[in-house]
Protein backbone atom coordinates (compact mmCIF):
# COMPACT_ATOMS: atom_id res chain seq x y z
CA MET A 1 71.52 83.54 108.54
CA ASP A 2 70.87 85.31 105.28
CA GLN A 3 73.82 86.80 103.49
CA LEU A 4 74.10 90.51 104.12
CA THR A 5 73.80 93.02 101.32
CA TYR A 6 76.23 95.90 101.22
CA ALA A 7 75.84 99.24 99.50
CA TYR A 8 79.38 100.44 100.11
CA SER A 9 80.46 103.91 99.08
CA TYR A 10 84.11 104.95 98.83
CA SER A 11 83.39 107.89 101.15
CA CYS A 12 83.24 105.54 104.15
CA GLU A 13 86.67 103.96 103.48
CA GLY A 14 88.46 105.86 106.25
CA LYS A 15 85.73 105.16 108.81
CA ILE A 16 85.85 101.43 108.08
CA ASP A 17 89.60 101.41 108.56
CA GLU A 18 89.25 103.34 111.85
CA LEU A 19 86.72 100.81 113.15
CA CYS A 20 88.98 97.90 112.15
CA LEU A 21 91.94 99.55 113.88
CA GLU A 22 89.90 100.06 117.03
CA LEU A 23 88.81 96.40 116.95
CA PHE A 24 92.43 95.36 116.37
CA ASN A 25 93.53 97.33 119.45
CA HIS A 26 90.73 95.83 121.57
CA PHE A 27 91.57 92.26 120.51
CA CYS A 28 95.31 92.76 121.05
CA ASP A 29 94.87 94.42 124.44
CA ARG A 30 92.68 91.53 125.61
CA ARG A 31 94.86 88.93 123.85
CA ARG A 32 91.86 87.51 122.00
CA VAL A 33 93.35 85.31 119.29
CA VAL A 34 90.14 84.05 117.66
CA PRO A 35 88.59 87.49 117.06
CA LEU A 36 91.98 88.78 115.91
CA ALA A 37 92.26 85.91 113.40
CA PHE A 38 88.82 86.76 112.00
CA LEU A 39 89.79 90.42 111.61
CA MET A 40 93.21 89.75 110.10
CA THR A 41 91.85 87.52 107.32
CA HIS A 42 90.66 90.63 105.44
CA TRP A 43 92.24 93.62 107.17
CA PRO A 44 94.17 95.74 106.51
CA ILE A 45 92.33 96.24 103.26
CA MET A 46 95.00 96.39 100.57
CA GLU A 47 92.80 97.37 97.64
CA VAL A 48 89.57 99.08 98.60
CA SER A 49 86.60 97.89 96.60
CA PRO A 50 83.01 96.93 97.32
CA ILE A 51 84.01 93.26 97.51
CA SER A 52 86.85 93.90 99.98
CA VAL A 53 84.47 95.84 102.23
CA TRP A 54 81.88 93.10 101.88
CA ARG A 55 84.47 90.49 102.91
CA ILE A 56 85.49 92.25 106.11
CA ALA A 57 81.89 93.06 107.06
CA GLU A 58 80.71 89.51 106.36
CA THR A 59 83.62 88.01 108.31
CA MET A 60 82.99 90.28 111.30
CA ASN A 61 79.30 89.38 111.16
CA GLU A 62 80.27 85.69 111.31
CA LEU A 63 82.50 86.41 114.33
CA ARG A 64 79.64 88.22 116.07
CA THR A 65 77.22 85.40 115.25
CA TRP A 66 79.32 82.32 116.02
CA HIS A 67 81.70 83.57 118.74
CA THR A 68 79.67 86.22 120.53
CA GLU A 69 80.89 84.96 123.92
CA LEU A 70 84.42 86.11 123.01
CA LEU A 71 83.34 89.72 122.47
CA THR A 72 82.71 92.58 124.87
CA GLU A 73 79.62 94.73 124.44
CA ASP A 74 81.84 97.51 123.07
CA GLU A 75 83.36 95.17 120.48
CA LYS A 76 79.89 94.00 119.43
CA ARG A 77 78.89 97.65 118.99
CA LEU A 78 82.00 98.38 116.89
CA ILE A 79 81.29 95.36 114.70
CA GLY A 80 77.68 96.50 114.31
CA ASP A 81 78.87 99.98 113.31
CA LEU A 82 81.24 98.46 110.74
CA ILE A 83 78.46 96.31 109.26
CA ASP A 84 76.05 99.26 109.18
CA LEU A 85 78.64 101.44 107.49
CA ALA A 86 79.42 98.77 104.90
CA ALA A 87 75.68 98.42 104.25
CA GLY A 88 75.46 102.14 103.47
CA ASP A 89 73.67 103.11 106.68
CA GLU A 90 74.12 106.87 106.87
CA ALA A 91 73.19 106.93 110.58
CA TYR A 92 76.81 106.18 111.54
CA ASP A 93 78.98 109.28 112.00
């Protein structure tokens, strides 16, 4: 898979954190250790920058690609929203 390109803007920082928190809650509620490990490698984001957003989005994309069977449809949607937001897709609100 080609590496994703991200056009992150600082205005989406709070939305990215909200999506990560929602994913965290999903993974904890379902006791899904592998997805949780993927998320926790780069979240919470300690210092927000384009590279930190790229890292979390790229890692979640890898989770969705290589371990899709571990994810619910809702979790896949949340990951897609996170990736779209990191890519600068203004359609997410």
